[in-house]
Amino acid sequence: MKRLIPLIVAAALSACGADVATSAATAAALKKQELEQAKKTQDIAQQKINQAMDQLQQSQQSRENAADKQ
């Protein structure tokens, strides 16, 4: 009986360890998804910034061309 109690305790503790490991893996997977989504959001924002800069340059070029013609 004395040997059975430590065995039961060890089994219970190992189950807790598995639960902790599963929780950690789940948290890591969620963080990975968040990171991927943030990267996509950053890429979209950078594309919009680049488009705005292109439009600004085109507008400025058009103004310069109009000024040169006068």
C-alpha atoms as a PDB file:
ATOM      1  CA  MET A   1       0.000   0.000   0.000  1.00  0.00           C
ATOM      2  CA  LYS A   2       2.870   2.373   0.773  1.00  0.00           C
ATOM      3  CA  ARG A   3       4.172   1.911  -2.773  1.00  0.00           C
ATOM      4  CA  LEU A   4       0.764   2.519  -4.313  1.00  0.00           C
ATOM      5  CA  ILE A   5       0.309   6.024  -2.879  1.00  0.00           C
ATOM      6  CA  PRO A   6       3.484   7.486  -4.465  1.00  0.00           C
ATOM      7  CA  LEU A   7       2.502   5.833  -7.747  1.00  0.00           C
ATOM      8  CA  ILE A   8      -0.942   7.454  -7.640  1.00  0.00           C
ATOM      9  CA  VAL A   9       0.581  10.829  -6.749  1.00  0.00           C
ATOM     10  CA  ALA A  10       3.102  10.524  -9.597  1.00  0.00           C
ATOM     11  CA  ALA A  11       0.329   9.654 -12.059  1.00  0.00           C
ATOM     12  CA  ALA A  12      -1.761  12.619 -10.917  1.00  0.00           C
ATOM     13  CA  LEU A  13       1.173  14.998 -11.194  1.00  0.00           C
ATOM     14  CA  SER A  14       2.097  13.762 -14.653  1.00  0.00           C
ATOM     15  CA  ALA A  15      -1.468  14.409 -15.796  1.00  0.00           C
ATOM     16  CA  CYS A  16      -1.131  17.986 -14.526  1.00  0.00           C
ATOM     17  CA  GLY A  17       2.111  18.331 -16.435  1.00  0.00           C
ATOM     18  CA  ALA A  18       0.427  17.149 -19.611  1.00  0.00           C
ATOM     19  CA  ASP A  19      -2.342  19.681 -19.078  1.00  0.00           C
ATOM     20  CA  VAL A  20       0.185  22.468 -18.609  1.00  0.00           C
ATOM     21  CA  ALA A  21       2.073  21.395 -21.733  1.00  0.00           C
ATOM     22  CA  THR A  22      -1.162  21.324 -23.731  1.00  0.00           C
ATOM     23  CA  SER A  23      -2.097  24.784 -22.482  1.00  0.00           C
ATOM     24  CA  ALA A  24       1.333  26.121 -23.378  1.00  0.00           C
ATOM     25  CA  ALA A  25       1.112  24.635 -26.867  1.00  0.00           C
ATOM     26  CA  THR A  26      -2.333  26.138 -27.370  1.00  0.00           C
ATOM     27  CA  ALA A  27      -1.126  29.543 -26.186  1.00  0.00           C
ATOM     28  CA  ALA A  28       1.858  29.340 -28.524  1.00  0.00           C
ATOM     29  CA  ALA A  29      -0.402  28.463 -31.462  1.00  0.00           C
ATOM     30  CA  LEU A  30      -2.646  31.445 -30.681  1.00  0.00           C
ATOM     31  CA  LYS A  31       0.345  33.777 -30.461  1.00  0.00           C
ATOM     32  CA  LYS A  32       1.571  32.473 -33.814  1.00  0.00           C
ATOM     33  CA  GLN A  33      -1.817  33.226 -35.387  1.00  0.00           C
ATOM     34  CA  GLU A  34      -1.814  36.701 -33.853  1.00  0.00           C
ATOM     35  CA  LEU A  35       1.666  37.323 -35.220  1.00  0.00           C
ATOM     36  CA  GLU A  36       0.666  36.157 -38.704  1.00  0.00           C
ATOM     37  CA  GLN A  37      -2.426  38.379 -38.652  1.00  0.00           C
ATOM     38  CA  ALA A  38      -0.379  41.344 -37.478  1.00  0.00           C
ATOM     39  CA  LYS A  39       2.085  40.741 -40.322  1.00  0.00           C
ATOM     40  CA  LYS A  40      -0.775  40.701 -42.849  1.00  0.00           C
ATOM     41  CA  THR A  41      -2.174  43.912 -41.381  1.00  0.00           C
ATOM     42  CA  GLN A  42       1.254  45.524 -41.565  1.00  0.00           C
ATOM     43  CA  ASP A  43       1.676  44.453 -45.203  1.00  0.00           C
ATOM     44  CA  ILE A  44      -1.722  45.910 -46.136  1.00  0.00           C
ATOM     45  CA  ALA A  45      -0.917  49.165 -44.344  1.00  0.00           C
ATOM     46  CA  GLN A  46       2.441  49.378 -46.135  1.00  0.00           C
ATOM     47  CA  GLN A  47       0.731  48.842 -49.502  1.00  0.00           C
ATOM     48  CA  LYS A  48      -1.724  51.647 -48.741  1.00  0.00           C
ATOM     49  CA  ILE A  49       1.112  53.949 -47.712  1.00  0.00           C
ATOM     50  CA  ASN A  50       2.983  53.149 -50.912  1.00  0.00           C
ATOM     51  CA  GLN A  51      -0.123  53.835 -53.000  1.00  0.00           C
ATOM     52  CA  ALA A  52      -0.670  57.161 -51.253  1.00  0.00           C
ATOM     53  CA  MET A  53       2.957  58.128 -51.820  1.00  0.00           C
ATOM     54  CA  ASP A  54       2.674  57.203 -55.517  1.00  0.00           C
ATOM     55  CA  GLN A  55      -0.462  59.314 -55.869  1.00  0.00           C
ATOM     56  CA  LEU A  56       1.234  62.210 -54.119  1.00  0.00           C
ATOM     57  CA  GLN A  57       4.227  62.000 -56.446  1.00  0.00           C
ATOM     58  CA  GLN A  58       1.984  61.806 -59.504  1.00  0.00           C
ATOM     59  CA  SER A  59       0.010  64.797 -58.323  1.00  0.00           C
ATOM     60  CA  GLN A  60       3.157  66.787 -57.703  1.00  0.00           C
ATOM     61  CA  GLN A  61       4.527  65.789 -61.106  1.00  0.00           C
ATOM     62  CA  SER A  62       1.289  66.905 -62.763  1.00  0.00           C
ATOM     63  CA  ARG A  63       1.515  70.280 -60.996  1.00  0.00           C
ATOM     64  CA  GLU A  64       5.128  70.704 -62.070  1.00  0.00           C
ATOM     65  CA  ASN A  65       4.268  69.846 -65.665  1.00  0.00           C
ATOM     66  CA  ALA A  66       1.369  72.325 -65.625  1.00  0.00           C
ATOM     67  CA  ALA A  67       3.646  75.029 -64.193  1.00  0.00           C
ATOM     68  CA  ASP A  68       6.273  74.358 -66.879  1.00  0.00           C
ATOM     69  CA  LYS A  69       3.693  74.798 -69.646  1.00  0.00           C
ATOM     70  CA  GLN A  70       2.716  78.265 -68.447  1.00  0.00           C
END
